[in-house]
Full PDB file with SEQRES, HELIX, SHEET, SSBOND, CRYST1, ORIGX, SCALE, CONECT and MASTER records, all heavy atoms in Angstrom:
SEQRES   1 A   35  GLY GLU GLN GLN MET LEU ALA ILE GLY ARG ALA ILE MET          
SEQRES   2 A   35  SER ARG PRO LYS LEU LEU LEU LEU ASP GLU PRO SER MET          
SEQRES   3 A   35  GLY LEU ALA PRO ILE VAL VAL GLN LEU                          
HELIX    1 AA1 GLU A    2  ILE A   12  1                                  11    
HELIX    2 AA2 PRO A   30  GLN A   34  1                                   5    
CRYST1    1.000    1.000    1.000  90.00  90.00  90.00 P 1           1          
ORIGX1      1.000000  0.000000  0.000000        0.00000                         
ORIGX2      0.000000  1.000000  0.000000        0.00000                         
ORIGX3      0.000000  0.000000  1.000000        0.00000                         
SCALE1      1.000000  0.000000  0.000000        0.00000                         
SCALE2      0.000000  1.000000  0.000000        0.00000                         
SCALE3      0.000000  0.000000  1.000000        0.00000                         
ATOM      1  N   GLY A   1     -14.786  -0.516  -2.928  1.00  0.00           N  
ATOM      2  CA  GLY A   1     -13.898  -0.306  -4.065  1.00  0.00           C  
ATOM      3  C   GLY A   1     -12.762   0.640  -3.743  1.00  0.00           C  
ATOM      4  O   GLY A   1     -11.610   0.415  -4.145  1.00  0.00           O  
ATOM      5  N   GLU A   2     -13.056   1.695  -2.988  1.00  0.00           N  
ATOM      6  CA  GLU A   2     -12.024   2.655  -2.608  1.00  0.00           C  
ATOM      7  C   GLU A   2     -11.024   2.021  -1.644  1.00  0.00           C  
ATOM      8  O   GLU A   2      -9.827   2.289  -1.721  1.00  0.00           O  
ATOM      9  CB  GLU A   2     -12.676   3.882  -1.979  1.00  0.00           C  
ATOM     10  CG  GLU A   2     -13.458   4.724  -2.979  1.00  0.00           C  
ATOM     11  CD  GLU A   2     -14.441   5.674  -2.327  1.00  0.00           C  
ATOM     12  OE1 GLU A   2     -14.657   5.591  -1.098  1.00  0.00           O  
ATOM     13  OE2 GLU A   2     -15.014   6.510  -3.055  1.00  0.00           O  
ATOM     14  N   GLN A   3     -11.511   1.150  -0.754  1.00  0.00           N  
ATOM     15  CA  GLN A   3     -10.596   0.453   0.150  1.00  0.00           C  
ATOM     16  C   GLN A   3      -9.676  -0.480  -0.625  1.00  0.00           C  
ATOM     17  O   GLN A   3      -8.493  -0.634  -0.275  1.00  0.00           O  
ATOM     18  CB  GLN A   3     -11.385  -0.327   1.203  1.00  0.00           C  
ATOM     19  CG  GLN A   3     -12.045   0.563   2.237  1.00  0.00           C  
ATOM     20  CD  GLN A   3     -12.646  -0.220   3.382  1.00  0.00           C  
ATOM     21  OE1 GLN A   3     -12.385  -1.400   3.554  1.00  0.00           O  
ATOM     22  NE2 GLN A   3     -13.457   0.450   4.191  1.00  0.00           N  
ATOM     23  N   GLN A   4     -10.192  -1.127  -1.687  1.00  0.00           N  
ATOM     24  CA  GLN A   4      -9.332  -1.986  -2.493  1.00  0.00           C  
ATOM     25  C   GLN A   4      -8.278  -1.157  -3.219  1.00  0.00           C  
ATOM     26  O   GLN A   4      -7.110  -1.557  -3.310  1.00  0.00           O  
ATOM     27  CB  GLN A   4     -10.164  -2.771  -3.514  1.00  0.00           C  
ATOM     28  CG  GLN A   4      -9.370  -3.817  -4.278  1.00  0.00           C  
ATOM     29  CD  GLN A   4      -8.830  -4.896  -3.369  1.00  0.00           C  
ATOM     30  OE1 GLN A   4      -9.581  -5.677  -2.788  1.00  0.00           O  
ATOM     31  NE2 GLN A   4      -7.508  -4.956  -3.215  1.00  0.00           N  
ATOM     32  N   MET A   5      -8.655   0.000  -3.727  1.00  0.00           N  
ATOM     33  CA  MET A   5      -7.685   0.905  -4.337  1.00  0.00           C  
ATOM     34  C   MET A   5      -6.607   1.286  -3.326  1.00  0.00           C  
ATOM     35  O   MET A   5      -5.408   1.312  -3.646  1.00  0.00           O  
ATOM     36  CB  MET A   5      -8.387   2.182  -4.835  1.00  0.00           C  
ATOM     37  CG  MET A   5      -9.388   1.974  -5.936  1.00  0.00           C  
ATOM     38  SD  MET A   5     -10.260   3.531  -6.309  1.00  0.00           S  
ATOM     39  CE  MET A   5     -11.687   2.907  -7.198  1.00  0.00           C  
ATOM     40  N   LEU A   6      -7.029   1.565  -2.099  1.00  0.00           N  
ATOM     41  CA  LEU A   6      -6.091   1.973  -1.057  1.00  0.00           C  
ATOM     42  C   LEU A   6      -5.146   0.822  -0.702  1.00  0.00           C  
ATOM     43  O   LEU A   6      -3.943   1.039  -0.503  1.00  0.00           O  
ATOM     44  CB  LEU A   6      -6.850   2.445   0.179  1.00  0.00           C  
ATOM     45  CG  LEU A   6      -6.025   2.949   1.358  1.00  0.00           C  
ATOM     46  CD1 LEU A   6      -5.078   4.064   0.943  1.00  0.00           C  
ATOM     47  CD2 LEU A   6      -6.953   3.436   2.485  1.00  0.00           C  
ATOM     48  N   ALA A   7      -5.675  -0.396  -0.620  1.00  0.00           N  
ATOM     49  CA  ALA A   7      -4.834  -1.554  -0.298  1.00  0.00           C  
ATOM     50  C   ALA A   7      -3.766  -1.766  -1.365  1.00  0.00           C  
ATOM     51  O   ALA A   7      -2.601  -2.047  -1.054  1.00  0.00           O  
ATOM     52  CB  ALA A   7      -5.697  -2.798  -0.149  1.00  0.00           C  
ATOM     53  N   ILE A   8      -4.149  -1.619  -2.628  1.00  0.00           N  
ATOM     54  CA  ILE A   8      -3.167  -1.768  -3.712  1.00  0.00           C  
ATOM     55  C   ILE A   8      -2.184  -0.602  -3.690  1.00  0.00           C  
ATOM     56  O   ILE A   8      -0.971  -0.786  -3.855  1.00  0.00           O  
ATOM     57  CB  ILE A   8      -3.882  -1.869  -5.071  1.00  0.00           C  
ATOM     58  CG1 ILE A   8      -4.694  -3.169  -5.140  1.00  0.00           C  
ATOM     59  CG2 ILE A   8      -2.871  -1.816  -6.227  1.00  0.00           C  
ATOM     60  CD1 ILE A   8      -5.567  -3.287  -6.374  1.00  0.00           C  
ATOM     61  N   GLY A   9      -2.705   0.604  -3.477  1.00  0.00           N  
ATOM     62  CA  GLY A   9      -1.835   1.772  -3.407  1.00  0.00           C  
ATOM     63  C   GLY A   9      -0.832   1.676  -2.278  1.00  0.00           C  
ATOM     64  O   GLY A   9       0.352   2.017  -2.449  1.00  0.00           O  
ATOM     65  N   ARG A  10      -1.254   1.183  -1.132  1.00  0.00           N  
ATOM     66  CA  ARG A  10      -0.343   1.011   0.009  1.00  0.00           C  
ATOM     67  C   ARG A  10       0.773   0.022  -0.341  1.00  0.00           C  
ATOM     68  O   ARG A  10       1.932   0.230   0.020  1.00  0.00           O  
ATOM     69  CB  ARG A  10      -1.140   0.518   1.216  1.00  0.00           C  
ATOM     70  CG  ARG A  10      -0.325   0.352   2.485  1.00  0.00           C  
ATOM     71  CD  ARG A  10      -1.200  -0.134   3.622  1.00  0.00           C  
ATOM     72  NE  ARG A  10      -1.822  -1.414   3.293  1.00  0.00           N  
ATOM     73  CZ  ARG A  10      -2.833  -1.952   3.976  1.00  0.00           C  
ATOM     74  NH1 ARG A  10      -3.339  -1.323   5.020  1.00  0.00           N  
ATOM     75  NH2 ARG A  10      -3.345  -3.107   3.620  1.00  0.00           N  
ATOM     76  N   ALA A  11       0.418  -1.050  -1.069  1.00  0.00           N  
ATOM     77  CA  ALA A  11       1.433  -2.020  -1.496  1.00  0.00           C  
ATOM     78  C   ALA A  11       2.421  -1.388  -2.466  1.00  0.00           C  
ATOM     79  O   ALA A  11       3.635  -1.633  -2.385  1.00  0.00           O  
ATOM     80  CB  ALA A  11       0.758  -3.229  -2.136  1.00  0.00           C  
ATOM     81  N   ILE A  12       1.939  -0.560  -3.379  1.00  0.00           N  
ATOM     82  CA  ILE A  12       2.816   0.106  -4.339  1.00  0.00           C  
ATOM     83  C   ILE A  12       3.837   0.982  -3.616  1.00  0.00           C  
ATOM     84  O   ILE A  12       4.993   1.102  -4.034  1.00  0.00           O  
ATOM     85  CB  ILE A  12       1.986   0.956  -5.322  1.00  0.00           C  
ATOM     86  CG1 ILE A  12       1.171   0.049  -6.249  1.00  0.00           C  
ATOM     87  CG2 ILE A  12       2.875   1.885  -6.157  1.00  0.00           C  
ATOM     88  CD1 ILE A  12       0.161   0.802  -7.090  1.00  0.00           C  
ATOM     89  N   MET A  13       3.413   1.589  -2.500  1.00  0.00           N  
ATOM     90  CA  MET A  13       4.301   2.481  -1.755  1.00  0.00           C  
ATOM     91  C   MET A  13       5.537   1.763  -1.215  1.00  0.00           C  
ATOM     92  O   MET A  13       6.547   2.400  -0.917  1.00  0.00           O  
ATOM     93  CB  MET A  13       3.541   3.127  -0.594  1.00  0.00           C  
ATOM     94  CG  MET A  13       2.462   4.123  -1.029  1.00  0.00           C  
ATOM     95  SD  MET A  13       3.131   5.564  -1.887  1.00  0.00           S  
ATOM     96  CE  MET A  13       4.108   6.307  -0.582  1.00  0.00           C  
ATOM     97  N   SER A  14       5.473   0.438  -1.102  1.00  0.00           N  
ATOM     98  CA  SER A  14       6.631  -0.313  -0.615  1.00  0.00           C  
ATOM     99  C   SER A  14       7.593  -0.673  -1.746  1.00  0.00           C  
ATOM    100  O   SER A  14       8.621  -1.308  -1.488  1.00  0.00           O  
ATOM    101  CB  SER A  14       6.166  -1.591   0.089  1.00  0.00           C  
ATOM    102  OG  SER A  14       5.608  -2.494  -0.846  1.00  0.00           O  
ATOM    103  N   ARG A  15       7.254  -0.292  -2.971  1.00  0.00           N  
ATOM    104  CA  ARG A  15       8.052  -0.629  -4.158  1.00  0.00           C  
ATOM    105  C   ARG A  15       8.298  -2.138  -4.260  1.00  0.00           C  
ATOM    106  O   ARG A  15       9.424  -2.611  -4.196  1.00  0.00           O  
ATOM    107  CB  ARG A  15       9.373   0.134  -4.166  1.00  0.00           C  
ATOM    108  CG  ARG A  15       9.198   1.606  -4.451  1.00  0.00           C  
ATOM    109  CD  ARG A  15      10.494   2.262  -4.863  1.00  0.00           C  
ATOM    110  NE  ARG A  15      10.283   3.656  -5.248  1.00  0.00           N  
ATOM    111  CZ  ARG A  15      11.257   4.506  -5.521  1.00  0.00           C  
ATOM    112  NH1 ARG A  15      12.518   4.112  -5.452  1.00  0.00           N  
ATOM    113  NH2 ARG A  15      10.985   5.746  -5.874  1.00  0.00           N  
ATOM    114  N   PRO A  16       7.226  -2.916  -4.418  1.00  0.00           N  
ATOM    115  CA  PRO A  16       7.372  -4.373  -4.458  1.00  0.00           C  
ATOM    116  C   PRO A  16       8.070  -4.847  -5.724  1.00  0.00           C  
ATOM    117  O   PRO A  16       7.978  -4.222  -6.785  1.00  0.00           O  
ATOM    118  CB  PRO A  16       5.919  -4.858  -4.438  1.00  0.00           C  
ATOM    119  CG  PRO A  16       5.149  -3.747  -5.095  1.00  0.00           C  
ATOM    120  CD  PRO A  16       5.834  -2.489  -4.625  1.00  0.00           C  
ATOM    121  N   LYS A  17       8.755  -5.983  -5.586  1.00  0.00           N  
ATOM    122  CA  LYS A  17       9.280  -6.689  -6.750  1.00  0.00           C  
ATOM    123  C   LYS A  17       8.322  -7.798  -7.164  1.00  0.00           C  
ATOM    124  O   LYS A  17       8.173  -8.096  -8.339  1.00  0.00           O  
ATOM    125  CB  LYS A  17      10.657  -7.266  -6.438  1.00  0.00           C  
ATOM    126  CG  LYS A  17      11.726  -6.228  -6.128  1.00  0.00           C  
ATOM    127  CD  LYS A  17      13.062  -6.906  -5.839  1.00  0.00           C  
ATOM    128  CE  LYS A  17      14.147  -5.869  -5.552  1.00  0.00           C  
ATOM    129  NZ  LYS A  17      13.906  -5.170  -4.268  1.00  0.00           N  
ATOM    130  N   LEU A  18       7.675  -8.415  -6.157  1.00  0.00           N  
ATOM    131  CA  LEU A  18       6.660  -9.439  -6.392  1.00  0.00           C  
ATOM    132  C   LEU A  18       5.415  -9.047  -5.614  1.00  0.00           C  
ATOM    133  O   LEU A  18       5.450  -8.937  -4.384  1.00  0.00           O  
ATOM    134  CB  LEU A  18       7.162 -10.810  -5.937  1.00  0.00           C  
ATOM    135  CG  LEU A  18       6.136 -11.947  -5.960  1.00  0.00           C  
ATOM    136  CD1 LEU A  18       5.583 -12.177  -7.365  1.00  0.00           C  
ATOM    137  CD2 LEU A  18       6.751 -13.238  -5.417  1.00  0.00           C  
ATOM    138  N   LEU A  19       4.320  -8.827  -6.330  1.00  0.00           N  
ATOM    139  CA  LEU A  19       3.070  -8.410  -5.716  1.00  0.00           C  
ATOM    140  C   LEU A  19       2.105  -9.588  -5.715  1.00  0.00           C  
ATOM    141  O   LEU A  19       1.781 -10.142  -6.765  1.00  0.00           O  
ATOM    142  CB  LEU A  19       2.473  -7.237  -6.499  1.00  0.00           C  
ATOM    143  CG  LEU A  19       1.261  -6.522  -5.886  1.00  0.00           C  
ATOM    144  CD1 LEU A  19       1.598  -5.941  -4.524  1.00  0.00           C  
ATOM    145  CD2 LEU A  19       0.768  -5.422  -6.823  1.00  0.00           C  
ATOM    146  N   LEU A  20       1.670  -9.985  -4.515  1.00  0.00           N  
ATOM    147  CA  LEU A  20       0.688 -11.050  -4.341  1.00  0.00           C  
ATOM    148  C   LEU A  20      -0.666 -10.402  -4.105  1.00  0.00           C  
ATOM    149  O   LEU A  20      -0.823  -9.634  -3.150  1.00  0.00           O  
ATOM    150  CB  LEU A  20       1.057 -11.931  -3.147  1.00  0.00           C  
ATOM    151  CG  LEU A  20       2.482 -12.482  -3.093  1.00  0.00           C  
ATOM    152  CD1 LEU A  20       2.698 -13.239  -1.783  1.00  0.00           C  
ATOM    153  CD2 LEU A  20       2.767 -13.382  -4.283  1.00  0.00           C  
ATOM    154  N   LEU A  21      -1.633 -10.694  -4.952  1.00  0.00           N  
ATOM    155  CA  LEU A  21      -2.959 -10.067  -4.870  1.00  0.00           C  
ATOM    156  C   LEU A  21      -4.009 -11.133  -4.595  1.00  0.00           C  
ATOM    157  O   LEU A  21      -4.207 -12.048  -5.391  1.00  0.00           O  
ATOM    158  CB  LEU A  21      -3.284  -9.336  -6.168  1.00  0.00           C  
ATOM    159  CG  LEU A  21      -2.333  -8.191  -6.519  1.00  0.00           C  
ATOM    160  CD1 LEU A  21      -1.778  -8.371  -7.922  1.00  0.00           C  
ATOM    161  CD2 LEU A  21      -3.041  -6.845  -6.404  1.00  0.00           C  
ATOM    162  N   ASP A  22      -4.686 -11.007  -3.437  1.00  0.00           N  
ATOM    163  CA  ASP A  22      -5.635 -12.024  -3.013  1.00  0.00           C  
ATOM    164  C   ASP A  22      -7.065 -11.523  -3.202  1.00  0.00           C  
ATOM    165  O   ASP A  22      -7.552 -10.686  -2.444  1.00  0.00           O  
ATOM    166  CB  ASP A  22      -5.384 -12.374  -1.546  1.00  0.00           C  
ATOM    167  CG  ASP A  22      -6.085 -13.652  -1.121  1.00  0.00           C  
ATOM    168  OD1 ASP A  22      -6.817 -14.243  -1.940  1.00  0.00           O  
ATOM    169  OD2 ASP A  22      -5.894 -14.069   0.041  1.00  0.00           O  
ATOM    170  N   GLU A  23      -7.721 -12.027  -4.233  1.00  0.00           N  
ATOM    171  CA  GLU A  23      -9.122 -11.731  -4.542  1.00  0.00           C  
ATOM    172  C   GLU A  23      -9.408 -10.225  -4.626  1.00  0.00           C  
ATOM    173  O   GLU A  23     -10.295  -9.710  -3.937  1.00  0.00           O  
ATOM    174  CB  GLU A  23     -10.043 -12.362  -3.493  1.00  0.00           C  
ATOM    175  CG  GLU A  23      -9.889 -13.861  -3.334  1.00  0.00           C  
ATOM    176  CD  GLU A  23     -10.530 -14.672  -4.454  1.00  0.00           C  
ATOM    177  OE1 GLU A  23     -10.973 -14.068  -5.448  1.00  0.00           O  
ATOM    178  OE2 GLU A  23     -10.576 -15.890  -4.327  1.00  0.00           O  
ATOM    179  N   PRO A  24      -8.695  -9.481  -5.470  1.00  0.00           N  
ATOM    180  CA  PRO A  24      -8.909  -8.033  -5.517  1.00  0.00           C  
ATOM    181  C   PRO A  24     -10.273  -7.605  -6.041  1.00  0.00           C  
ATOM    182  O   PRO A  24     -10.680  -6.478  -5.803  1.00  0.00           O  
ATOM    183  CB  PRO A  24      -7.784  -7.546  -6.444  1.00  0.00           C  
ATOM    184  CG  PRO A  24      -7.450  -8.723  -7.290  1.00  0.00           C  
ATOM    185  CD  PRO A  24      -7.618  -9.910  -6.389  1.00  0.00           C  
ATOM    186  N   SER A  25     -10.988  -8.490  -6.743  1.00  0.00           N  
ATOM    187  CA  SER A  25     -12.291  -8.089  -7.296  1.00  0.00           C  
ATOM    188  C   SER A  25     -13.460  -8.452  -6.387  1.00  0.00           C  
ATOM    189  O   SER A  25     -14.605  -8.123  -6.700  1.00  0.00           O  
ATOM    190  CB  SER A  25     -12.506  -8.753  -8.668  1.00  0.00           C  
ATOM    191  OG  SER A  25     -12.849 -10.122  -8.536  1.00  0.00           O  
ATOM    192  N   MET A  26     -13.190  -9.092  -5.261  1.00  0.00           N  
ATOM    193  CA  MET A  26     -14.271  -9.626  -4.423  1.00  0.00           C  
ATOM    194  C   MET A  26     -15.225  -8.534  -3.937  1.00  0.00           C  
ATOM    195  O   MET A  26     -14.823  -7.552  -3.320  1.00  0.00           O  
ATOM    196  CB  MET A  26     -13.687 -10.362  -3.210  1.00  0.00           C  
ATOM    197  CG  MET A  26     -14.743 -10.981  -2.303  1.00  0.00           C  
ATOM    198  SD  MET A  26     -14.023 -11.844  -0.895  1.00  0.00           S  
ATOM    199  CE  MET A  26     -13.324 -13.264  -1.721  1.00  0.00           C  
ATOM    200  N   GLY A  27     -16.493  -8.705  -4.240  1.00  0.00           N  
ATOM    201  CA  GLY A  27     -17.532  -7.817  -3.738  1.00  0.00           C  
ATOM    202  C   GLY A  27     -17.603  -6.455  -4.394  1.00  0.00           C  
ATOM    203  O   GLY A  27     -18.309  -5.568  -3.889  1.00  0.00           O  
ATOM    204  N   LEU A  28     -16.924  -6.259  -5.518  1.00  0.00           N  
ATOM    205  CA  LEU A  28     -16.880  -4.947  -6.149  1.00  0.00           C  
ATOM    206  C   LEU A  28     -17.790  -4.873  -7.370  1.00  0.00           C  
ATOM    207  O   LEU A  28     -18.039  -5.877  -8.040  1.00  0.00           O  
ATOM    208  CB  LEU A  28     -15.438  -4.612  -6.564  1.00  0.00           C  
ATOM    209  CG  LEU A  28     -14.382  -4.656  -5.463  1.00  0.00           C  
ATOM    210  CD1 LEU A  28     -13.047  -4.189  -6.018  1.00  0.00           C  
ATOM    211  CD2 LEU A  28     -14.791  -3.798  -4.267  1.00  0.00           C  
ATOM    212  N   ALA A  29     -18.247  -3.670  -7.658  1.00  0.00           N  
ATOM    213  CA  ALA A  29     -19.064  -3.437  -8.848  1.00  0.00           C  
ATOM    214  C   ALA A  29     -18.232  -3.657 -10.107  1.00  0.00           C  
ATOM    215  O   ALA A  29     -17.015  -3.417 -10.098  1.00  0.00           O  
ATOM    216  CB  ALA A  29     -19.612  -2.007  -8.832  1.00  0.00           C  
ATOM    217  N   PRO A  30     -18.854  -4.103 -11.197  1.00  0.00           N  
ATOM    218  CA  PRO A  30     -18.105  -4.408 -12.426  1.00  0.00           C  
ATOM    219  C   PRO A  30     -17.225  -3.272 -12.913  1.00  0.00           C  
ATOM    220  O   PRO A  30     -16.099  -3.510 -13.370  1.00  0.00           O  
ATOM    221  CB  PRO A  30     -19.209  -4.746 -13.434  1.00  0.00           C  
ATOM    222  CG  PRO A  30     -20.323  -5.293 -12.587  1.00  0.00           C  
ATOM    223  CD  PRO A  30     -20.277  -4.492 -11.320  1.00  0.00           C  
ATOM    224  N   ILE A  31     -17.674  -2.028 -12.819  1.00  0.00           N  
ATOM    225  CA  ILE A  31     -16.869  -0.910 -13.319  1.00  0.00           C  
ATOM    226  C   ILE A  31     -15.611  -0.719 -12.470  1.00  0.00           C  
ATOM    227  O   ILE A  31     -14.544  -0.361 -12.986  1.00  0.00           O  
ATOM    228  CB  ILE A  31     -17.704   0.391 -13.368  1.00  0.00           C  
ATOM    229  CG1 ILE A  31     -16.935   1.470 -14.138  1.00  0.00           C  
ATOM    230  CG2 ILE A  31     -18.094   0.868 -11.963  1.00  0.00           C  
ATOM    231  CD1 ILE A  31     -17.785   2.675 -14.463  1.00  0.00           C  
ATOM    232  N   VAL A  32     -15.723  -1.000 -11.165  1.00  0.00           N  
ATOM    233  CA  VAL A  32     -14.551  -0.903 -10.284  1.00  0.00           C  
ATOM    234  C   VAL A  32     -13.601  -2.070 -10.540  1.00  0.00           C  
ATOM    235  O   VAL A  32     -12.380  -1.900 -10.548  1.00  0.00           O  
ATOM    236  CB  VAL A  32     -14.985  -0.861  -8.806  1.00  0.00           C  
ATOM    237  CG1 VAL A  32     -13.764  -0.768  -7.893  1.00  0.00           C  
ATOM    238  CG2 VAL A  32     -15.926   0.308  -8.562  1.00  0.00           C  
ATOM    239  N   VAL A  33     -14.166  -3.254 -10.769  1.00  0.00           N  
ATOM    240  CA  VAL A  33     -13.342  -4.421 -11.095  1.00  0.00           C  
ATOM    241  C   VAL A  33     -12.506  -4.149 -12.338  1.00  0.00           C  
ATOM    242  O   VAL A  33     -11.314  -4.450 -12.385  1.00  0.00           O  
ATOM    243  CB  VAL A  33     -14.223  -5.671 -11.300  1.00  0.00           C  
ATOM    244  CG1 VAL A  33     -13.390  -6.834 -11.848  1.00  0.00           C  
ATOM    245  CG2 VAL A  33     -14.892  -6.070  -9.990  1.00  0.00           C  
ATOM    246  N   GLN A  34     -13.131  -3.551 -13.337  1.00  0.00           N  
ATOM    247  CA  GLN A  34     -12.404  -3.237 -14.575  1.00  0.00           C  
ATOM    248  C   GLN A  34     -11.233  -2.300 -14.293  1.00  0.00           C  
ATOM    249  O   GLN A  34     -10.119  -2.499 -14.795  1.00  0.00           O  
ATOM    250  CB  GLN A  34     -13.348  -2.607 -15.595  1.00  0.00           C  
ATOM    251  CG  GLN A  34     -12.669  -2.287 -16.922  1.00  0.00           C  
ATOM    252  CD  GLN A  34     -13.652  -1.697 -17.933  1.00  0.00           C  
ATOM    253  OE1 GLN A  34     -14.865  -1.728 -17.741  1.00  0.00           O  
ATOM    254  NE2 GLN A  34     -13.117  -1.145 -19.012  1.00  0.00           N  
ATOM    255  N   LEU A  35     -11.470  -1.275 -13.460  1.00  0.00           N  
ATOM    256  CA  LEU A  35     -10.404  -0.340 -13.107  1.00  0.00           C  
ATOM    257  C   LEU A  35      -9.276  -1.047 -12.361  1.00  0.00           C  
ATOM    258  O   LEU A  35      -8.094  -0.846 -12.661  1.00  0.00           O  
ATOM    259  CB  LEU A  35     -10.967   0.793 -12.250  1.00  0.00           C  
ATOM    260  CG  LEU A  35      -9.929   1.731 -11.605  1.00  0.00           C  
ATOM    261  CD1 LEU A  35      -9.121   2.463 -12.669  1.00  0.00           C  
ATOM    262  CD2 LEU A  35     -10.597   2.715 -10.661  1.00  0.00           C  
TER     263      LEU A  35                                                      
MASTER        0    0    0    2    0    0    0    6  262    1    0    3          
END                                                                             
């Protein structure tokens, strides 16, 4: 879950205009998926 947060955070650092997200909930606990 923390690695998924980091992957999204790293993408945000590039200031995207279009963000492509590939299976961000895969293998994560429900509470992390909600976040």
